[in-house]
Protein backbone atom coordinates (compact mmCIF):
# COMPACT_ATOMS: atom_id res chain seq x y z
CA MET A 1 -36.71 -25.56 -12.46
CA GLY A 2 -34.58 -23.16 -14.52
CA GLN A 3 -30.81 -23.11 -14.62
CA ILE A 4 -29.09 -23.56 -11.27
CA HIS A 5 -27.74 -20.02 -11.15
CA GLU A 6 -31.26 -18.63 -11.57
CA LEU A 7 -32.23 -20.03 -8.16
CA THR A 8 -31.98 -17.91 -5.04
CA VAL A 9 -30.13 -19.00 -1.92
CA LEU A 10 -33.40 -20.04 -0.29
CA GLU A 11 -34.51 -21.94 -3.39
CA LEU A 12 -31.18 -23.75 -3.59
CA ALA A 13 -31.26 -24.64 0.11
CA SER A 14 -34.80 -25.99 -0.23
CA ALA A 15 -33.99 -28.00 -3.36
CA ILE A 16 -30.99 -29.54 -1.60
CA ARG A 17 -33.05 -30.50 1.44
CA GLU A 18 -35.73 -32.03 -0.76
CA ARG A 19 -32.99 -33.93 -2.62
CA GLU A 20 -34.12 -32.40 -5.90
CA ILE A 21 -30.60 -31.28 -6.75
CA SER A 22 -27.27 -32.27 -5.29
CA PRO A 23 -24.63 -29.97 -3.74
CA VAL A 24 -22.09 -31.51 -6.11
CA ALA A 25 -24.14 -30.59 -9.19
CA ILE A 26 -24.63 -27.06 -7.85
CA THR A 27 -20.94 -26.62 -7.14
CA GLU A 28 -19.90 -28.00 -10.53
CA HIS A 29 -22.33 -25.63 -12.25
CA TYR A 30 -20.97 -22.58 -10.46
CA LEU A 31 -17.35 -23.60 -10.96
CA ARG A 32 -18.00 -23.84 -14.71
CA ARG A 33 -19.47 -20.34 -14.73
CA VAL A 34 -16.59 -19.01 -12.65
CA HIS A 35 -14.12 -20.57 -15.09
CA ASP A 36 -15.94 -19.10 -18.10
CA LEU A 37 -16.85 -15.63 -16.82
CA SER A 38 -14.77 -14.63 -13.79
CA ASN A 39 -12.02 -12.84 -15.72
CA ARG A 40 -14.58 -10.94 -17.81
CA VAL A 41 -16.07 -9.35 -14.69
CA GLY A 42 -13.01 -9.53 -12.43
CA ALA A 43 -14.84 -11.48 -9.76
CA PHE A 44 -12.27 -13.87 -8.22
CA TYR A 45 -8.59 -13.63 -7.31
CA THR A 46 -8.36 -17.24 -6.16
CA ILE A 47 -10.62 -20.14 -7.19
CA THR A 48 -10.71 -23.02 -4.71
CA ALA A 49 -12.15 -25.73 -6.94
CA ASP A 50 -10.67 -28.67 -5.01
CA LEU A 51 -11.82 -27.32 -1.65
CA ALA A 52 -15.29 -26.56 -3.02
CA THR A 53 -15.61 -30.06 -4.45
CA THR A 54 -14.54 -31.65 -1.15
CA GLN A 55 -17.06 -29.51 0.74
CA ALA A 56 -19.79 -30.35 -1.76
CA LEU A 57 -19.16 -34.07 -1.38
CA ALA A 58 -19.39 -33.71 2.40
CA ALA A 59 -22.61 -31.74 2.07
CA GLU A 60 -24.08 -34.36 -0.25
CA LYS A 61 -23.23 -37.09 2.25
CA ALA A 62 -24.90 -35.10 5.01
CA VAL A 63 -28.04 -34.66 2.93
CA THR A 64 -28.29 -38.33 1.99
CA THR A 65 -27.66 -39.64 5.50
CA THR A 66 -29.74 -37.26 7.60
CA GLN A 67 -33.07 -38.56 8.84
CA ASP A 68 -34.63 -35.11 9.17
CA PRO A 69 -33.64 -32.47 6.57
CA ALA A 70 -34.67 -29.77 9.06
CA ASP A 71 -31.60 -30.72 11.11
CA LEU A 72 -29.24 -29.68 8.32
CA PRO A 73 -27.41 -26.34 8.69
CA PRO A 74 -29.26 -23.58 6.81
CA LEU A 75 -26.74 -23.11 3.97
CA THR A 76 -25.89 -26.78 3.41
CA GLY A 77 -24.52 -27.12 -0.12
CA VAL A 78 -24.99 -23.44 -1.06
CA PRO A 79 -21.91 -21.72 -2.55
CA ILE A 80 -20.93 -18.46 -0.78
CA PRO A 81 -17.53 -16.98 -1.76
CA ILE A 82 -15.35 -15.03 0.67
CA LYS A 83 -13.87 -11.58 0.12
CA ASP A 84 -10.09 -11.54 -0.15
CA LEU A 85 -9.74 -9.22 2.84
CA ASN A 86 -10.88 -12.11 5.03
CA MET A 87 -8.80 -15.03 6.25
CA VAL A 88 -9.55 -18.60 5.23
CA ALA A 89 -7.09 -21.10 6.66
CA GLY A 90 -4.85 -22.59 3.97
CA VAL A 91 -6.18 -20.34 1.19
CA ARG A 92 -4.27 -17.43 -0.33
CA GLN A 93 -5.26 -14.02 1.07
CA THR A 94 -3.82 -11.20 -1.05
CA LEU A 95 -5.65 -8.23 0.50
CA GLY A 96 -5.71 -6.98 -3.10
CA SER A 97 -1.94 -6.34 -3.05
CA VAL A 98 0.99 -7.97 -4.84
CA ALA A 99 2.90 -7.44 -1.59
CA PHE A 100 0.72 -10.25 -0.16
CA LYS A 101 0.38 -12.40 -3.27
CA ASP A 102 1.85 -15.42 -1.47
CA ASN A 103 0.22 -14.85 1.92
CA ILE A 104 -1.55 -17.95 3.28
CA PRO A 105 -3.18 -17.58 6.72
CA ASP A 106 -3.44 -20.50 9.12
CA THR A 107 -6.78 -19.56 10.66
CA ASP A 108 -10.28 -18.47 9.65
CA ASP A 109 -11.94 -15.17 10.40
CA TYR A 110 -14.93 -15.71 12.67
CA VAL A 111 -17.38 -14.77 9.92
CA VAL A 112 -15.79 -17.42 7.70
CA THR A 113 -16.17 -19.97 10.49
CA ARG A 114 -19.86 -19.12 10.87
CA LEU A 115 -20.51 -19.47 7.14
CA ALA A 116 -18.70 -22.81 7.11
CA GLN A 117 -20.65 -24.05 10.14
CA ALA A 118 -23.83 -23.12 8.27
CA GLY A 119 -22.83 -25.60 5.57
CA SER A 120 -21.84 -23.21 2.78
CA ILE A 121 -19.43 -24.09 -0.03
CA MET A 122 -16.49 -21.76 -0.68
CA LEU A 123 -15.84 -21.30 -4.40
CA GLY A 124 -12.93 -18.94 -3.82
CA LYS A 125 -11.77 -15.49 -2.74
CA THR A 126 -13.40 -12.49 -4.43
CA ALA A 127 -11.55 -9.45 -5.71
CA THR A 128 -10.96 -6.45 -3.47
CA PRO A 129 -8.88 -3.29 -3.91
CA GLU A 130 -5.54 -2.93 -2.16
CA PHE A 131 -6.22 -3.27 1.60
CA GLY A 132 -9.88 -2.43 0.90
CA LEU A 133 -9.09 1.29 0.83
CA PRO A 134 -10.68 2.55 -2.45
CA CYS A 135 -14.29 2.46 -3.62
CA TYR A 136 -13.28 0.68 -6.84
CA THR A 137 -11.52 -2.64 -7.46
CA GLU A 138 -8.57 -2.26 -9.83
CA THR A 139 -5.31 -3.90 -8.74
CA GLN A 140 -2.25 -5.75 -9.99
CA ILE A 141 -3.55 -9.08 -8.65
CA GLY A 142 -6.22 -9.65 -11.27
CA PRO A 143 -8.42 -7.95 -13.87
CA PRO A 144 -10.59 -5.00 -12.79
CA ALA A 145 -13.92 -5.81 -11.19
CA ARG A 146 -16.57 -4.71 -13.69
CA THR A 147 -20.30 -4.37 -13.33
CA PRO A 148 -21.90 -7.09 -15.48
CA TRP A 149 -24.42 -4.49 -16.66
CA ASP A 150 -21.71 -2.69 -18.66
CA LEU A 151 -18.27 -4.27 -18.81
CA SER A 152 -16.65 -0.91 -19.49
CA ARG A 153 -17.71 0.28 -16.02
CA SER A 154 -16.46 -0.45 -12.51
CA ALA A 155 -18.14 -2.87 -10.12
CA GLY A 156 -17.20 -0.56 -7.26
CA GLY A 157 -15.42 -1.55 -4.09
CA SER A 158 -14.21 -2.67 -1.85
CA SER A 159 -16.49 -5.73 -2.21
CA GLY A 160 -16.34 -5.29 -5.98
CA GLY A 161 -15.51 -8.88 -6.82
CA ALA A 162 -18.26 -10.17 -4.53
CA ALA A 163 -20.90 -8.02 -6.21
CA ALA A 164 -19.63 -8.79 -9.71
CA ALA A 165 -19.83 -12.52 -8.90
CA VAL A 166 -23.42 -12.38 -7.67
CA SER A 167 -24.62 -10.06 -10.43
CA ALA A 168 -23.05 -12.25 -13.13
CA GLY A 169 -24.50 -15.45 -11.70
CA LEU A 170 -21.16 -16.84 -10.48
CA ALA A 171 -22.52 -17.23 -6.94
CA PRO A 172 -26.02 -17.02 -5.48
CA ALA A 173 -24.83 -14.57 -2.78
CA ALA A 174 -21.55 -13.47 -1.27
CA GLN A 175 -19.89 -12.27 1.92
CA GLY A 176 -18.63 -8.71 1.84
CA SER A 177 -17.45 -6.07 4.27
CA ASP A 178 -18.13 -2.37 4.61
CA GLY A 179 -15.91 0.27 6.22
CA GLY A 180 -17.03 3.30 4.23
CA GLY A 181 -19.66 1.94 1.85
CA SER A 182 -17.91 -1.19 0.60
CA ILE A 183 -21.04 -3.36 0.49
CA ARG A 184 -23.52 -0.68 -0.56
CA ILE A 185 -21.36 0.86 -3.32
CA PRO A 186 -20.85 -2.33 -5.37
CA SER A 187 -24.42 -3.44 -4.65
CA SER A 188 -25.65 -0.18 -6.17
CA VAL A 189 -23.58 -0.39 -9.36
CA CYS A 190 -24.28 -4.11 -9.79
CA GLY A 191 -28.05 -4.03 -9.15
CA LEU A 192 -28.06 -6.01 -5.89
CA PHE A 193 -29.37 -5.84 -2.34
CA GLY A 194 -26.65 -5.38 0.28
CA ILE A 195 -26.71 -4.91 4.04
CA LYS A 196 -24.17 -3.04 6.13
CA PRO A 197 -25.14 -4.29 9.61
CA SER A 198 -24.98 -2.27 12.81
CA ARG A 199 -21.60 -1.84 14.43
CA GLY A 200 -20.92 -4.96 16.49
CA ARG A 201 -23.57 -7.15 14.85
CA VAL A 202 -20.94 -9.39 13.22
CA SER A 203 -17.64 -10.17 14.90
CA GLY A 204 -14.55 -8.86 13.11
CA GLY A 205 -12.20 -11.25 14.96
CA PRO A 206 -9.96 -12.88 15.62
CA LEU A 207 -7.05 -10.76 14.40
CA MET A 208 -8.14 -7.38 13.07
CA PRO A 209 -9.63 -5.07 15.71
CA ASP A 210 -11.46 -2.12 14.15
CA LEU A 211 -10.66 0.45 16.83
CA ALA A 212 -12.88 3.13 15.29
CA GLY A 213 -15.72 0.68 14.61
CA LEU A 214 -16.08 1.68 10.97
CA GLY A 215 -16.04 -1.75 9.35
CA VAL A 216 -18.39 -4.71 9.55
CA ASP A 217 -19.00 -7.87 7.49
CA GLY A 218 -22.33 -8.36 5.76
CA PRO A 219 -24.19 -10.01 2.86
CA ILE A 220 -24.59 -9.16 -0.82
CA ALA A 221 -27.47 -10.96 -2.49
CA ARG A 222 -30.11 -10.86 -5.21
CA THR A 223 -33.05 -10.83 -2.79
CA VAL A 224 -33.82 -9.35 0.60
CA ALA A 225 -34.67 -12.77 2.06
CA ASP A 226 -31.35 -14.26 0.91
CA ALA A 227 -29.44 -11.40 2.51
CA ALA A 228 -31.47 -11.74 5.70
CA LEU A 229 -30.63 -15.44 5.94
CA LEU A 230 -26.93 -14.74 5.46
CA LEU A 231 -27.07 -12.04 8.13
CA ASP A 232 -28.65 -14.55 10.51
CA VAL A 233 -25.72 -16.87 9.86
CA MET A 234 -23.05 -14.16 10.20
CA THR A 235 -24.49 -12.60 13.35
CA GLY A 236 -22.71 -13.25 16.63
CA ASN A 237 -20.08 -12.00 19.04
CA TYR A 238 -17.01 -13.60 20.57
CA PRO A 239 -14.97 -12.89 23.70
CA GLY A 240 -12.80 -9.84 23.17
CA ASP A 241 -15.02 -8.12 20.58
CA MET A 242 -14.77 -4.35 21.08
CA TYR A 243 -18.33 -3.73 19.89
CA THR A 244 -21.33 -6.00 20.40
CA GLN A 245 -25.05 -6.06 19.73
CA PRO A 246 -27.66 -7.84 21.86
CA ALA A 247 -28.48 -11.31 20.59
CA ARG A 248 -31.80 -11.67 18.79
CA PRO A 249 -34.51 -13.58 20.68
CA ALA A 250 -34.31 -17.30 19.90
CA ALA A 251 -37.73 -17.26 18.28
CA GLU A 252 -36.86 -14.42 15.87
CA SER A 253 -34.61 -14.20 12.85
CA PHE A 254 -33.82 -11.57 10.26
CA LEU A 255 -35.31 -13.95 7.71
CA ASP A 256 -38.61 -13.77 9.63
CA TYR A 257 -38.59 -10.01 9.18
CA ALA A 258 -38.14 -10.39 5.43
CA ARG A 259 -41.57 -12.05 5.48
CA ARG A 260 -43.30 -9.41 7.64
CA GLU A 261 -44.99 -6.16 6.69
CA PRO A 262 -43.15 -3.22 8.24
CA GLY A 263 -46.28 -1.27 9.20
CA LYS A 264 -46.54 2.46 8.58
CA LEU A 265 -43.11 4.06 9.01
CA ARG A 266 -41.82 7.58 9.35
CA ILE A 267 -39.03 8.16 6.85
CA GLY A 268 -36.77 11.19 6.57
CA ARG A 269 -35.10 11.92 3.27
CA THR A 270 -32.29 14.20 2.11
CA LEU A 271 -30.17 14.92 -0.94
CA GLN A 272 -27.65 16.85 1.12
CA SER A 273 -24.27 15.30 1.87
CA PRO A 274 -21.26 16.28 3.97
CA VAL A 275 -18.87 16.29 0.99
CA ASP A 276 -18.16 19.70 -0.49
CA GLY A 277 -18.62 19.75 -4.27
CA ALA A 278 -20.50 16.45 -4.48
CA GLU A 279 -23.30 17.01 -6.99
CA VAL A 280 -25.98 14.34 -7.30
CA HIS A 281 -26.40 13.19 -10.90
CA PRO A 282 -29.92 13.56 -12.39
CA ASP A 283 -30.24 9.77 -12.73
CA CYS A 284 -29.51 9.36 -9.01
CA VAL A 285 -31.97 12.14 -8.15
CA ARG A 286 -34.56 10.41 -10.32
CA ALA A 287 -34.04 7.12 -8.45
CA TYR A 288 -34.33 8.93 -5.11
CA GLU A 289 -37.53 10.75 -6.07
CA ASP A 290 -39.03 7.59 -7.54
CA ALA A 291 -38.26 5.69 -4.32
CA SER A 292 -39.88 8.47 -2.29
CA LEU A 293 -43.06 8.20 -4.34
CA LEU A 294 -43.06 4.42 -3.99
CA LEU A 295 -42.65 4.64 -0.22
CA THR A 296 -45.48 7.15 -0.02
CA SER A 297 -47.73 4.94 -2.15
CA LEU A 298 -47.08 2.08 0.31
CA GLY A 299 -48.48 4.19 3.14
CA HIS A 300 -45.29 5.53 4.70
CA GLU A 301 -44.83 9.11 5.85
CA VAL A 302 -41.90 10.62 3.93
CA GLU A 303 -40.56 14.08 4.78
CA ASP A 304 -37.53 16.17 3.93
CA ILE A 305 -34.84 16.65 6.56
CA ALA A 306 -31.47 18.38 6.72
CA MET A 307 -28.44 16.10 6.55
CA PRO A 308 -27.46 15.68 10.22
CA PHE A 309 -23.74 15.29 9.40
CA GLY A 310 -21.98 18.45 8.29
CA GLN A 311 -18.87 19.12 6.23
CA ASP A 312 -16.89 19.40 9.47
CA SER A 313 -17.07 15.58 9.76
CA VAL A 314 -15.10 14.89 6.56
CA PRO A 315 -11.57 15.95 7.62
CA PHE A 316 -11.82 13.86 10.76
CA PHE A 317 -13.06 10.81 8.85
CA GLU A 318 -10.10 11.29 6.51
CA ILE A 319 -7.74 11.16 9.48
CA LEU A 320 -9.14 7.75 10.39
CA TRP A 321 -8.92 6.53 6.78
CA TYR A 322 -5.32 7.69 6.37
CA SER A 323 -4.45 5.97 9.64
CA TYR A 324 -6.12 2.72 8.55
CA ALA A 325 -3.93 2.73 5.44
CA THR A 326 -0.81 2.40 7.62
CA LEU A 327 -1.96 -0.78 9.37
CA ALA A 328 -0.83 -3.27 6.71
CA PRO A 329 2.61 -4.59 7.77
CA ILE A 330 4.71 -3.75 4.72
CA ALA A 331 8.49 -4.18 4.77
CA PRO A 332 10.28 -1.00 3.64
CA GLU A 333 11.68 -2.80 0.59
CA ASP A 334 8.12 -3.72 -0.46
CA GLU A 335 6.61 -0.22 -0.31
CA ASP A 336 7.30 0.33 -4.01
CA LYS A 337 5.07 -2.66 -4.80
CA LEU A 338 2.03 -0.74 -3.57
CA LEU A 339 -0.26 1.20 -5.87
CA PRO A 340 0.18 5.00 -6.04
CA LEU A 341 -3.08 5.67 -4.17
CA THR A 342 -2.11 3.31 -1.36
CA ARG A 343 1.32 4.93 -1.02
CA TYR A 344 -0.33 8.35 -0.91
CA LEU A 345 -2.80 7.33 1.81
CA ARG A 346 -0.05 5.68 3.87
CA GLU A 347 2.14 8.76 3.58
CA ARG A 348 -0.70 10.92 4.82
CA GLY A 349 -1.34 8.45 7.64
CA ARG A 350 2.25 8.48 8.83
CA GLY A 351 2.01 12.23 9.33
CA ILE A 352 -0.85 11.87 11.83
CA GLY A 353 0.08 12.07 15.49
CA ALA A 354 -1.57 10.21 18.34
CA GLN A 355 -3.29 13.37 19.58
CA ASP A 356 -4.75 14.05 16.12
CA LEU A 357 -6.04 10.50 15.80
CA ILE A 358 -7.65 10.44 19.24
CA PHE A 359 -9.18 13.87 18.76
CA ALA A 360 -10.61 12.83 15.37
CA GLN A 361 -12.30 9.82 16.96
CA ALA A 362 -13.62 11.96 19.82
CA TYR A 363 -14.92 14.63 17.45
CA LEU A 364 -16.74 12.10 15.27
CA GLN A 365 -18.27 10.55 18.39
CA ALA A 366 -19.50 13.97 19.52
CA ILE A 367 -21.15 14.84 16.20
CA THR A 368 -22.64 11.34 16.01
CA ARG A 369 -24.48 12.00 19.27
CA ALA A 370 -26.05 15.11 17.75
CA ALA A 371 -26.83 13.33 14.47
CA LEU A 372 -28.54 10.40 16.21
CA ALA A 373 -30.81 12.84 18.00
CA VAL A 374 -32.16 13.64 14.52
CA THR A 375 -32.10 10.24 12.84
CA ASN A 376 -33.57 8.37 15.81
CA SER A 377 -36.84 10.26 15.39
CA TYR A 378 -37.33 8.40 12.10
CA ASP A 379 -37.71 4.70 11.34
CA ALA A 380 -35.45 5.08 8.30
CA ILE A 381 -33.42 7.69 6.45
CA LEU A 382 -33.53 7.75 2.64
CA THR A 383 -30.67 9.06 0.48
CA PRO A 384 -29.13 8.13 -2.84
CA THR A 385 -26.56 5.39 -2.38
CA LEU A 386 -24.13 7.14 -4.74
CA ALA A 387 -23.95 10.57 -6.30
CA GLN A 388 -23.21 9.20 -9.79
CA PRO A 389 -24.10 6.20 -11.95
CA PRO A 390 -21.41 3.51 -12.42
CA VAL A 391 -18.17 5.08 -13.67
CA LYS A 392 -15.79 3.84 -16.33
CA VAL A 393 -12.98 1.50 -15.35
CA GLY A 394 -9.90 3.68 -14.89
CA TYR A 395 -11.88 6.81 -13.96
CA PHE A 396 -10.25 7.17 -10.56
CA ASP A 397 -6.72 6.18 -11.57
CA GLU A 398 -6.51 8.55 -14.53
CA VAL A 399 -5.64 11.40 -12.13
CA ASP A 400 -3.01 11.79 -9.42
CA PRO A 401 -3.69 10.12 -6.03
CA ALA A 402 -4.83 13.32 -4.29
CA GLU A 403 -7.46 14.04 -6.95
CA ASN A 404 -8.30 10.33 -7.10
CA PHE A 405 -9.26 10.47 -3.42
CA GLU A 406 -11.34 13.62 -4.01
CA ARG A 407 -13.17 11.91 -6.87
CA GLN A 408 -13.96 8.97 -4.61
CA LYS A 409 -15.40 11.31 -1.98
CA ARG A 410 -17.61 13.04 -4.55
CA PHE A 411 -18.73 9.65 -5.93
CA THR A 412 -19.65 8.25 -2.48
CA PRO A 413 -20.70 11.24 -0.35
CA PHE A 414 -23.51 9.45 1.51
CA THR A 415 -22.21 6.04 2.51
CA ALA A 416 -19.42 6.66 5.06
CA ILE A 417 -21.56 8.71 7.45
CA PHE A 418 -23.32 5.55 8.58
CA ASN A 419 -19.99 3.84 9.17
CA VAL A 420 -19.13 6.78 11.43
CA SER A 421 -22.42 6.48 13.31
CA GLY A 422 -22.46 2.66 13.23
CA GLN A 423 -26.08 2.56 12.05
CA PRO A 424 -27.29 -0.21 9.74
CA ALA A 425 -27.81 0.74 6.11
CA VAL A 426 -28.89 -1.08 2.96
CA ASN A 427 -28.71 -0.59 -0.78
CA VAL A 428 -32.01 -1.29 -2.52
CA PRO A 429 -31.81 -1.84 -6.33
CA LEU A 430 -34.99 -0.09 -7.41
CA HIS A 431 -33.89 1.89 -10.46
CA TRP A 432 -32.16 1.41 -13.80
CA THR A 433 -31.23 4.21 -16.20
CA ALA A 434 -32.56 4.44 -19.74
CA GLY A 435 -29.22 2.97 -20.80
CA GLY A 436 -29.64 -0.04 -18.49
CA LEU A 437 -27.30 0.92 -15.63
CA PRO A 438 -28.44 0.09 -12.06
CA ILE A 439 -28.90 2.97 -9.60
CA GLY A 440 -29.46 2.07 -5.94
CA ILE A 441 -31.09 4.00 -3.14
CA MET A 442 -29.93 3.79 0.47
CA LEU A 443 -32.00 3.32 3.60
CA ALA A 444 -30.38 3.69 7.02
CA GLY A 445 -32.00 2.72 10.31
CA ARG A 446 -31.62 3.14 14.04
CA MET A 447 -28.70 1.37 15.67
CA GLY A 448 -29.48 -2.32 16.01
CA GLU A 449 -32.67 -2.14 13.91
CA GLU A 450 -31.67 -4.07 10.81
CA ALA A 451 -35.00 -5.88 11.14
CA THR A 452 -36.95 -2.73 10.24
CA LEU A 453 -34.80 -2.11 7.17
CA ILE A 454 -35.21 -5.72 6.09
CA SER A 455 -39.01 -5.62 6.39
CA LEU A 456 -39.18 -2.30 4.56
CA SER A 457 -36.83 -3.47 1.81
CA ALA A 458 -38.83 -6.67 1.35
CA GLN A 459 -41.98 -4.60 0.97
CA LEU A 460 -40.25 -2.52 -1.73
CA GLU A 461 -39.07 -5.70 -3.43
CA THR A 462 -42.60 -7.06 -3.52
CA ALA A 463 -43.92 -3.80 -4.95
CA ARG A 464 -41.19 -3.60 -7.58
CA PRO A 465 -39.41 -6.96 -7.98
CA TRP A 466 -35.85 -6.97 -9.27
CA LYS A 467 -34.76 -10.60 -8.75
CA ASP A 468 -35.27 -11.66 -12.35
CA ARG A 469 -33.69 -8.60 -13.89
CA HIS A 470 -30.30 -9.73 -15.20
CA PRO A 471 -27.35 -8.26 -17.13
CA PRO A 472 -26.70 -9.39 -20.72
CA LEU A 473 -24.03 -12.00 -19.87
CA TRP A 474 -26.36 -13.77 -17.39
């Protein structure tokens, strides 16, 4: 056995069940790494060492007293940190904003409850940008989230701290959330596998209804199987959920699909995006073309298609995003505590009337119907995850907020369309530049068909393994 942080989630869970390594030893190991490295990569805003130790002791007791290890919850003793947009009862939740630096919720989000019921250990709350709005994680709460592959470059957002933690070996996997690419973006720039599930696959309750259905929680991990297991744990609906997905048959799991061949698939691919002026960097084109060749070599049918979402979709998505920015309950005297970009987005949002908001949602629904008529004829859609390699820390904030937002759109022109449609999408870490920067490719599937994406991604992982490829500080 190598060092503890070299083990995958599944390997850790198995070693715990076999009593080869204790949950306390695992937790202590990760807490040491968090203490030593978190500020270098900007991974955590809050470290819950006492809580993690208490949970680890309880997990160790459960392991030593159970008669049948198979009865243990699937993540018993495995550390899984929580993004700081999510509520954990009794633990600080900043939402990435100094306006909430002392906010302590008294209840858990449902996804947090499910991870806890699965036996996971919470090391702390991972860094996120203010209210999860930007695609990069640079706030006044803590140091910038940096990709461990190059500490001068951003780890992306809004699950930037989660991805930085996993990539740097500060956690074996992490919970994230994705409203416009927030799992796939940091997974791409940190060299990880991330799943944005279908709309309604994971409950967003109990407090924050996503009226437009853009956002959903999901896993960030080093392997497809680890992410599939976490998705199994996160999956589920509760009374009052606005969007739901049918429950998987009792005999099937997403983890099962990570161990199955996908069969011959029909895959559409495109370099077109809805964002005007978004040029795909040669390194991202190279990753896309290389993935296309790999898919073809594995027996899949890959063909070019036109991007089914046009530029007309962007202004209406912006209306939703501006409106989302106004949802945080900020007292008027606290508005000046917000970052310039946040104030800009909120100002734009306040100028949107009810008719504009409802029409934007209706328009996006109408064009989604037309787009699904195209994408549903394929088993998967291949695009670059991002239009550029990882950017320098400060790249977005060096310009005024309006241009900042335009830069973000040009950096992430592919991701948000699948939040609009609600389709599942994954980042697959298949490519690294000559300079050692990770470049992901994105695969999107039919609504509710995460299983196909998981099987296909696992096949790609087997053909070109990435699990043991680590950044210098690993």
